[in-house]
Each structure stands twice: as structure tokens, then as C-alpha cells.
């Protein structure tokens, strides 16, 4: 088995990933995507996945799709429950 490294412009990564997905069934055993000069990925391999999830969560909170809980009132309720 051999490994091939591709250097692809950021704007064309989706197209290359689509191609690789099509080839995976017949020609490619496995593949992975990484940025060669991204310090964030060297420190944390899931940086961009978490970043995207947090941005989506923030938008959901702003649009009120996701409810926000008041910490103080939640803690008051918890304390009352524990005291009972």
C-alpha cells in the first residue's frame, strides 16, 4: 500500500473530497483530510468540528431554537430539591 499527499486550495477541498468519496468504494482503502500549516489542528484534531458546533449552538440560542437556562434560578431549584 502507498500514501499520496495532495495540496489543494481551500476553495476546492469539497470537490476533491467528493471525488475521493466516489473512489473510496472501488479504489481507495481509506483517506483523511488535514491542513498542513494549521496550528489549531496540531493542538486539537477536532477544533473545526467543535467550532462549527459552537457557532451553530450560538445561532440556535439567538434564534431561540435552543432555550437558555438561568444559572441562579436553576441552582436555587437544585438546592431546594436537595434540602427536601
PDB file of N, CA and C in Angstrom:
ATOM      1  N   UNK A   1       0.842  -1.174   0.000  1.00  0.00           N
ATOM      2  CA  UNK A   1       0.000   0.000   0.000  1.00  0.00           C
ATOM      3  C   UNK A   1       0.886   1.236   0.000  1.00  0.00           C
ATOM      4  N   UNK A   2       0.438   2.291  -0.660  1.00  0.00           N
ATOM      5  CA  UNK A   2       1.183   3.529  -0.732  1.00  0.00           C
ATOM      6  C   UNK A   2       0.301   4.697  -0.315  1.00  0.00           C
ATOM      7  N   UNK A   3       0.945   5.796   0.070  1.00  0.00           N
ATOM      8  CA  UNK A   3       0.240   7.001   0.505  1.00  0.00           C
ATOM      9  C   UNK A   3       0.515   8.120  -0.479  1.00  0.00           C
ATOM     10  N   UNK A   4      -0.518   8.868  -0.801  1.00  0.00           N
ATOM     11  CA  UNK A   4      -0.391  10.024  -1.699  1.00  0.00           C
ATOM     12  C   UNK A   4      -0.796  11.264  -0.916  1.00  0.00           C
ATOM     13  N   UNK A   5       0.006  12.324  -1.013  1.00  0.00           N
ATOM     14  CA  UNK A   5      -0.315  13.588  -0.364  1.00  0.00           C
ATOM     15  C   UNK A   5      -0.711  14.594  -1.430  1.00  0.00           C
ATOM     16  N   UNK A   6      -1.848  15.244  -1.228  1.00  0.00           N
ATOM     17  CA  UNK A   6      -2.331  16.255  -2.164  1.00  0.00           C
ATOM     18  C   UNK A   6      -2.340  17.615  -1.482  1.00  0.00           C
ATOM     19  N   UNK A   7      -1.938  18.634  -2.191  1.00  0.00           N
ATOM     20  CA  UNK A   7      -2.043  20.000  -1.703  1.00  0.00           C
ATOM     21  C   UNK A   7      -3.137  20.673  -2.528  1.00  0.00           C
ATOM     22  N   UNK A   8      -4.231  21.017  -1.867  1.00  0.00           N
ATOM     23  CA  UNK A   8      -5.409  21.522  -2.558  1.00  0.00           C
ATOM     24  C   UNK A   8      -5.783  22.885  -1.984  1.00  0.00           C
ATOM     25  N   UNK A   9      -6.185  23.802  -2.842  1.00  0.00           N
ATOM     26  CA  UNK A   9      -6.649  25.107  -2.387  1.00  0.00           C
ATOM     27  C   UNK A   9      -7.896  24.926  -1.531  1.00  0.00           C
ATOM     28  N   UNK A  10      -8.044  25.779  -0.533  1.00  0.00           N
ATOM     29  CA  UNK A  10      -9.185  25.667   0.388  1.00  0.00           C
ATOM     30  C   UNK A  10     -10.520  25.679  -0.343  1.00  0.00           C
ATOM     31  N   UNK A  11     -10.625  26.469  -1.371  1.00  0.00           N
ATOM     32  CA  UNK A  11     -11.899  26.594  -2.084  1.00  0.00           C
ATOM     33  C   UNK A  11     -12.260  25.347  -2.894  1.00  0.00           C
ATOM     34  N   UNK A  12     -11.295  24.454  -3.099  1.00  0.00           N
ATOM     35  CA  UNK A  12     -11.538  23.267  -3.921  1.00  0.00           C
ATOM     36  C   UNK A  12     -11.549  21.959  -3.115  1.00  0.00           C
ATOM     37  N   UNK A  13     -11.439  22.060  -1.809  1.00  0.00           N
ATOM     38  CA  UNK A  13     -11.375  20.871  -0.969  1.00  0.00           C
ATOM     39  C   UNK A  13     -12.656  20.047  -1.085  1.00  0.00           C
ATOM     40  N   UNK A  14     -13.806  20.696  -1.085  1.00  0.00           N
ATOM     41  CA  UNK A  14     -15.074  19.964  -1.176  1.00  0.00           C
ATOM     42  C   UNK A  14     -15.148  19.117  -2.440  1.00  0.00           C
ATOM     43  N   UNK A  15     -14.700  19.663  -3.536  1.00  0.00           N
ATOM     44  CA  UNK A  15     -14.722  18.921  -4.797  1.00  0.00           C
ATOM     45  C   UNK A  15     -13.814  17.696  -4.738  1.00  0.00           C
ATOM     46  N   UNK A  16     -12.643  17.870  -4.173  1.00  0.00           N
ATOM     47  CA  UNK A  16     -11.700  16.749  -4.071  1.00  0.00           C
ATOM     48  C   UNK A  16     -12.248  15.688  -3.115  1.00  0.00           C
ATOM     49  N   UNK A  17     -12.853  16.124  -2.015  1.00  0.00           N
ATOM     50  CA  UNK A  17     -13.428  15.168  -1.062  1.00  0.00           C
ATOM     51  C   UNK A  17     -14.572  14.380  -1.702  1.00  0.00           C
ATOM     52  N   UNK A  18     -15.362  15.021  -2.535  1.00  0.00           N
ATOM     53  CA  UNK A  18     -16.432  14.326  -3.247  1.00  0.00           C
ATOM     54  C   UNK A  18     -15.844  13.273  -4.180  1.00  0.00           C
ATOM     55  N   UNK A  19     -14.802  13.642  -4.879  1.00  0.00           N
ATOM     56  CA  UNK A  19     -14.116  12.686  -5.761  1.00  0.00           C
ATOM     57  C   UNK A  19     -13.580  11.495  -4.976  1.00  0.00           C
ATOM     58  N   UNK A  20     -12.943  11.772  -3.864  1.00  0.00           N
ATOM     59  CA  UNK A  20     -12.383  10.694  -3.052  1.00  0.00           C
ATOM     60  C   UNK A  20     -13.478   9.773  -2.511  1.00  0.00           C
ATOM     61  N   UNK A  21     -14.589  10.350  -2.133  1.00  0.00           N
ATOM     62  CA  UNK A  21     -15.695   9.534  -1.638  1.00  0.00           C
ATOM     63  C   UNK A  21     -16.198   8.591  -2.726  1.00  0.00           C
ATOM     64  N   UNK A  22     -16.262   9.078  -3.962  1.00  0.00           N
ATOM     65  CA  UNK A  22     -16.693   8.243  -5.081  1.00  0.00           C
ATOM     66  C   UNK A  22     -15.692   7.114  -5.359  1.00  0.00           C
ATOM     67  N   UNK A  23     -14.416   7.420  -5.211  1.00  0.00           N
ATOM     68  CA  UNK A  23     -13.377   6.424  -5.468  1.00  0.00           C
ATOM     69  C   UNK A  23     -13.194   5.441  -4.315  1.00  0.00           C
ATOM     70  N   UNK A  24     -13.603   5.821  -3.142  1.00  0.00           N
ATOM     71  CA  UNK A  24     -13.359   5.000  -1.953  1.00  0.00           C
ATOM     72  C   UNK A  24     -13.942   3.601  -2.092  1.00  0.00           C
ATOM     73  N   UNK A  25     -15.096   3.484  -2.690  1.00  0.00           N
ATOM     74  CA  UNK A  25     -15.739   2.177  -2.798  1.00  0.00           C
ATOM     75  C   UNK A  25     -14.948   1.182  -3.634  1.00  0.00           C
ATOM     76  N   UNK A  26     -14.233   1.664  -4.635  1.00  0.00           N
ATOM     77  CA  UNK A  26     -13.558   0.718  -5.517  1.00  0.00           C
ATOM     78  C   UNK A  26     -12.029   0.781  -5.492  1.00  0.00           C
ATOM     79  N   UNK A  27     -11.458   1.959  -5.280  1.00  0.00           N
ATOM     80  CA  UNK A  27     -10.007   2.083  -5.408  1.00  0.00           C
ATOM     81  C   UNK A  27      -9.247   2.422  -4.127  1.00  0.00           C
ATOM     82  N   UNK A  28      -9.865   3.176  -3.245  1.00  0.00           N
ATOM     83  CA  UNK A  28      -9.145   3.706  -2.090  1.00  0.00           C
ATOM     84  C   UNK A  28      -9.581   2.973  -0.829  1.00  0.00           C
ATOM     85  N   UNK A  29      -8.616   2.538  -0.035  1.00  0.00           N
ATOM     86  CA  UNK A  29      -8.939   1.862   1.220  1.00  0.00           C
ATOM     87  C   UNK A  29      -9.424   2.848   2.279  1.00  0.00           C
ATOM     88  N   UNK A  30      -8.739   3.961   2.413  1.00  0.00           N
ATOM     89  CA  UNK A  30      -9.129   4.979   3.386  1.00  0.00           C
ATOM     90  C   UNK A  30      -8.495   6.311   2.997  1.00  0.00           C
ATOM     91  N   UNK A  31      -9.025   7.386   3.580  1.00  0.00           N
ATOM     92  CA  UNK A  31      -8.438   8.702   3.347  1.00  0.00           C
ATOM     93  C   UNK A  31      -8.735   9.591   4.543  1.00  0.00           C
ATOM     94  N   UNK A  32      -7.951  10.651   4.688  1.00  0.00           N
ATOM     95  CA  UNK A  32      -8.185  11.618   5.756  1.00  0.00           C
ATOM     96  C   UNK A  32      -7.811  12.995   5.247  1.00  0.00           C
ATOM     97  N   UNK A  33      -8.365  13.996   5.878  1.00  0.00           N
ATOM     98  CA  UNK A  33      -8.137  15.387   5.497  1.00  0.00           C
ATOM     99  C   UNK A  33      -7.427  16.091   6.635  1.00  0.00           C
ATOM    100  N   UNK A  34      -6.359  16.802   6.323  1.00  0.00           N
ATOM    101  CA  UNK A  34      -5.677  17.594   7.344  1.00  0.00           C
ATOM    102  C   UNK A  34      -5.063  18.817   6.684  1.00  0.00           C
ATOM    103  N   UNK A  35      -4.896  19.847   7.473  1.00  0.00           N
ATOM    104  CA  UNK A  35      -4.280  21.071   6.990  1.00  0.00           C
ATOM    105  C   UNK A  35      -2.808  21.046   7.362  1.00  0.00           C
ATOM    106  N   UNK A  36      -1.964  21.321   6.410  1.00  0.00           N
ATOM    107  CA  UNK A  36      -0.527  21.184   6.646  1.00  0.00           C
ATOM    108  C   UNK A  36       0.050  22.310   7.496  1.00  0.00           C
ATOM    109  N   UNK A  37      -0.576  23.463   7.507  1.00  0.00           N
ATOM    110  CA  UNK A  37       0.006  24.580   8.248  1.00  0.00           C
ATOM    111  C   UNK A  37      -0.977  25.192   9.240  1.00  0.00           C
ATOM    112  N   UNK A  38      -1.903  24.420   9.731  1.00  0.00           N
ATOM    113  CA  UNK A  38      -2.895  24.913  10.665  1.00  0.00           C
ATOM    114  C   UNK A  38      -2.493  24.528  12.084  1.00  0.00           C
ATOM    115  N   UNK A  39      -2.099  25.506  12.882  1.00  0.00           N
ATOM    116  CA  UNK A  39      -1.652  25.257  14.250  1.00  0.00           C
ATOM    117  C   UNK A  39      -2.784  24.697  15.105  1.00  0.00           C
ATOM    118  N   UNK A  40      -4.029  25.093  14.808  1.00  0.00           N
ATOM    119  CA  UNK A  40      -5.169  24.610  15.596  1.00  0.00           C
ATOM    120  C   UNK A  40      -5.294  23.096  15.521  1.00  0.00           C
ATOM    121  N   UNK A  41      -5.077  22.525  14.345  1.00  0.00           N
ATOM    122  CA  UNK A  41      -5.215  21.088  14.188  1.00  0.00           C
ATOM    123  C   UNK A  41      -4.072  20.323  14.837  1.00  0.00           C
ATOM    124  N   UNK A  42      -2.920  20.942  14.965  1.00  0.00           N
ATOM    125  CA  UNK A  42      -1.813  20.288  15.647  1.00  0.00           C
ATOM    126  C   UNK A  42      -2.103  20.172  17.140  1.00  0.00           C
ATOM    127  N   UNK A  43      -2.795  21.158  17.693  1.00  0.00           N
ATOM    128  CA  UNK A  43      -3.137  21.142  19.111  1.00  0.00           C
ATOM    129  C   UNK A  43      -4.395  20.336  19.387  1.00  0.00           C
ATOM    130  N   UNK A  44      -5.327  20.350  18.452  1.00  0.00           N
ATOM    131  CA  UNK A  44      -6.630  19.723  18.674  1.00  0.00           C
ATOM    132  C   UNK A  44      -7.191  19.255  17.338  1.00  0.00           C
ATOM    133  N   UNK A  45      -7.252  17.962  17.140  1.00  0.00           N
ATOM    134  CA  UNK A  45      -7.685  17.406  15.856  1.00  0.00           C
ATOM    135  C   UNK A  45      -9.152  17.686  15.554  1.00  0.00           C
ATOM    136  N   UNK A  46      -9.956  17.966  16.560  1.00  0.00           N
ATOM    137  CA  UNK A  46     -11.391  18.205  16.355  1.00  0.00           C
ATOM    138  C   UNK A  46     -11.756  19.681  16.484  1.00  0.00           C
ATOM    139  N   UNK A  47     -10.786  20.564  16.355  1.00  0.00           N
ATOM    140  CA  UNK A  47     -11.004  22.005  16.527  1.00  0.00           C
ATOM    141  C   UNK A  47     -12.133  22.523  15.643  1.00  0.00           C
ATOM    142  N   UNK A  48     -12.081  22.238  14.358  1.00  0.00           N
ATOM    143  CA  UNK A  48     -13.060  22.814  13.439  1.00  0.00           C
ATOM    144  C   UNK A  48     -14.443  22.205  13.606  1.00  0.00           C
ATOM    145  N   UNK A  49     -14.525  20.926  13.963  1.00  0.00           N
ATOM    146  CA  UNK A  49     -15.830  20.317  14.215  1.00  0.00           C
ATOM    147  C   UNK A  49     -16.496  20.972  15.415  1.00  0.00           C
ATOM    148  N   UNK A  50     -15.716  21.172  16.495  1.00  0.00           N
ATOM    149  CA  UNK A  50     -16.274  21.814  17.685  1.00  0.00           C
ATOM    150  C   UNK A  50     -16.594  23.271  17.430  1.00  0.00           C
ATOM    151  N   UNK A  51     -15.760  23.940  16.672  1.00  0.00           N
ATOM    152  CA  UNK A  51     -16.004  25.347  16.351  1.00  0.00           C
ATOM    153  C   UNK A  51     -17.320  25.484  15.590  1.00  0.00           C
ATOM    154  N   UNK A  52     -17.536  24.629  14.610  1.00  0.00           N
ATOM    155  CA  UNK A  52     -18.769  24.662  13.828  1.00  0.00           C
ATOM    156  C   UNK A  52     -19.989  24.382  14.719  1.00  0.00           C
ATOM    157  N   UNK A  53     -19.856  23.398  15.611  1.00  0.00           N
ATOM    158  CA  UNK A  53     -20.955  23.064  16.526  1.00  0.00           C
ATOM    159  C   UNK A  53     -21.268  24.224  17.469  1.00  0.00           C
ATOM    160  N   UNK A  54     -20.238  24.884  17.980  1.00  0.00           N
ATOM    161  CA  UNK A  54     -20.458  26.016  18.869  1.00  0.00           C
ATOM    162  C   UNK A  54     -21.104  27.191  18.142  1.00  0.00           C
ATOM    163  N   UNK A  55     -20.694  27.437  16.910  1.00  0.00           N
ATOM    164  CA  UNK A  55     -21.323  28.511  16.132  1.00  0.00           C
ATOM    165  C   UNK A  55     -22.795  28.203  15.876  1.00  0.00           C
ATOM    166  N   UNK A  56     -23.096  26.945  15.578  1.00  0.00           N
ATOM    167  CA  UNK A  56     -24.491  26.550  15.367  1.00  0.00           C
ATOM    168  C   UNK A  56     -25.292  26.681  16.663  1.00  0.00           C
ATOM    169  N   UNK A  57     -24.707  26.289  17.763  1.00  0.00           N
ATOM    170  CA  UNK A  57     -25.366  26.410  19.059  1.00  0.00           C
ATOM    171  C   UNK A  57     -25.649  27.866  19.395  1.00  0.00           C
ATOM    172  N   UNK A  58     -24.696  28.725  19.115  1.00  0.00           N
ATOM    173  CA  UNK A  58     -24.880  30.160  19.358  1.00  0.00           C
ATOM    174  C   UNK A  58     -26.032  30.717  18.528  1.00  0.00           C
ATOM    175  N   UNK A  59     -26.100  30.322  17.268  1.00  0.00           N
ATOM    176  CA  UNK A  59     -27.193  30.767  16.410  1.00  0.00           C
ATOM    177  C   UNK A  59     -28.543  30.230  16.904  1.00  0.00           C
ATOM    178  N   UNK A  60     -28.552  28.986  17.353  1.00  0.00           N
ATOM    179  CA  UNK A  60     -29.787  28.395  17.876  1.00  0.00           C
ATOM    180  C   UNK A  60     -30.255  29.120  19.128  1.00  0.00           C
ATOM    181  N   UNK A  61     -29.334  29.536  19.956  1.00  0.00           N
ATOM    182  CA  UNK A  61     -29.697  30.279  21.169  1.00  0.00           C
ATOM    183  C   UNK A  61     -30.228  31.656  20.796  1.00  0.00           C
ATOM    184  N   UNK A  62     -29.561  32.327  19.858  1.00  0.00           N
ATOM    185  CA  UNK A  62     -30.024  33.646  19.420  1.00  0.00           C
ATOM    186  C   UNK A  62     -31.408  33.588  18.792  1.00  0.00           C
ATOM    187  N   UNK A  63     -31.684  32.551  18.017  1.00  0.00           N
ATOM    188  CA  UNK A  63     -32.981  32.429  17.353  1.00  0.00           C
ATOM    189  C   UNK A  63     -34.018  31.739  18.253  1.00  0.00           C
ATOM    190  N   UNK A  64     -33.625  31.411  19.466  1.00  0.00           N
ATOM    191  CA  UNK A  64     -34.469  30.780  20.478  1.00  0.00           C
ATOM    192  C   UNK A  64     -34.934  29.372  20.098  1.00  0.00           C
ATOM    193  N   UNK A  65     -34.197  28.718  19.218  1.00  0.00           N
ATOM    194  CA  UNK A  65     -34.446  27.301  18.960  1.00  0.00           C
ATOM    195  C   UNK A  65     -33.966  26.464  20.144  1.00  0.00           C
ATOM    196  N   UNK A  66     -32.906  26.942  20.805  1.00  0.00           N
ATOM    197  CA  UNK A  66     -32.338  26.274  21.976  1.00  0.00           C
ATOM    198  C   UNK A  66     -32.591  27.182  23.176  1.00  0.00           C
ATOM    199  N   UNK A  67     -33.271  26.677  24.212  1.00  0.00           N
ATOM    200  CA  UNK A  67     -33.565  27.534  25.366  1.00  0.00           C
ATOM    201  C   UNK A  67     -32.321  27.800  26.209  1.00  0.00           C
ATOM    202  N   UNK A  68     -32.284  28.979  26.794  1.00  0.00           N
ATOM    203  CA  UNK A  68     -31.225  29.345  27.734  1.00  0.00           C
ATOM    204  C   UNK A  68     -31.782  29.200  29.135  1.00  0.00           C
ATOM    205  N   UNK A  69     -30.994  28.624  30.015  1.00  0.00           N
ATOM    206  CA  UNK A  69     -31.413  28.467  31.394  1.00  0.00           C
ATOM    207  C   UNK A  69     -30.653  29.458  32.267  1.00  0.00           C
ATOM    208  N   UNK A  70     -31.376  30.040  33.232  1.00  0.00           N
ATOM    209  CA  UNK A  70     -30.761  30.967  34.169  1.00  0.00           C
ATOM    210  C   UNK A  70     -30.040  30.152  35.240  1.00  0.00           C
ATOM    211  N   UNK A  71     -28.746  30.326  35.349  1.00  0.00           N
ATOM    212  CA  UNK A  71     -27.935  29.539  36.276  1.00  0.00           C
ATOM    213  C   UNK A  71     -28.400  29.716  37.715  1.00  0.00           C
ATOM    214  N   UNK A  72     -28.641  30.973  38.118  1.00  0.00           N
ATOM    215  CA  UNK A  72     -29.013  31.232  39.511  1.00  0.00           C
ATOM    216  C   UNK A  72     -30.324  30.553  39.881  1.00  0.00           C
ATOM    217  N   UNK A  73     -31.328  30.677  39.021  1.00  0.00           N
ATOM    218  CA  UNK A  73     -32.614  30.052  39.349  1.00  0.00           C
ATOM    219  C   UNK A  73     -32.506  28.532  39.295  1.00  0.00           C
ATOM    220  N   UNK A  74     -31.709  28.010  38.388  1.00  0.00           N
ATOM    221  CA  UNK A  74     -31.506  26.563  38.330  1.00  0.00           C
ATOM    222  C   UNK A  74     -30.823  26.060  39.589  1.00  0.00           C
ATOM    223  N   UNK A  75     -29.834  26.794  40.077  1.00  0.00           N
ATOM    224  CA  UNK A  75     -29.141  26.397  41.302  1.00  0.00           C
ATOM    225  C   UNK A  75     -30.079  26.502  42.504  1.00  0.00           C
ATOM    226  N   UNK A  76     -30.924  27.542  42.553  1.00  0.00           N
ATOM    227  CA  UNK A  76     -31.893  27.671  43.643  1.00  0.00           C
ATOM    228  C   UNK A  76     -32.834  26.476  43.663  1.00  0.00           C
ATOM    229  N   UNK A  77     -33.307  26.067  42.493  1.00  0.00           N
ATOM    230  CA  UNK A  77     -34.187  24.898  42.407  1.00  0.00           C
ATOM    231  C   UNK A  77     -33.461  23.633  42.859  1.00  0.00           C
ATOM    232  N   UNK A  78     -32.221  23.480  42.473  1.00  0.00           N
ATOM    233  CA  UNK A  78     -31.442  22.310  42.861  1.00  0.00           C
ATOM    234  C   UNK A  78     -31.243  22.266  44.370  1.00  0.00           C
ATOM    235  N   UNK A  79     -30.909  23.396  44.970  1.00  0.00           N
ATOM    236  CA  UNK A  79     -30.700  23.466  46.408  1.00  0.00           C
ATOM    237  C   UNK A  79     -31.994  23.110  47.149  1.00  0.00           C
ATOM    238  N   UNK A  80     -33.129  23.654  46.695  1.00  0.00           N
ATOM    239  CA  UNK A  80     -34.417  23.330  47.316  1.00  0.00           C
ATOM    240  C   UNK A  80     -34.706  21.836  47.204  1.00  0.00           C
ATOM    241  N   UNK A  81     -34.399  21.258  46.054  1.00  0.00           N
ATOM    242  CA  UNK A  81     -34.636  19.821  45.853  1.00  0.00           C
ATOM    243  C   UNK A  81     -33.745  18.992  46.764  1.00  0.00           C
ATOM    244  N   UNK A  82     -32.503  19.418  46.948  1.00  0.00           N
ATOM    245  CA  UNK A  82     -31.582  18.669  47.791  1.00  0.00           C
ATOM    246  C   UNK A  82     -31.930  18.803  49.278  1.00  0.00           C
ATOM    247  N   UNK A  83     -32.488  19.947  49.641  1.00  0.00           N
ATOM    248  CA  UNK A  83     -32.884  20.161  51.030  1.00  0.00           C
ATOM    249  C   UNK A  83     -34.127  19.359  51.407  1.00  0.00           C
ATOM    250  N   UNK A  84     -34.950  19.030  50.440  1.00  0.00           N
ATOM    251  CA  UNK A  84     -36.219  18.323  50.726  1.00  0.00           C
ATOM    252  C   UNK A  84     -36.013  16.883  51.082  1.00  0.00           C
TER     253      UNK A  84
END
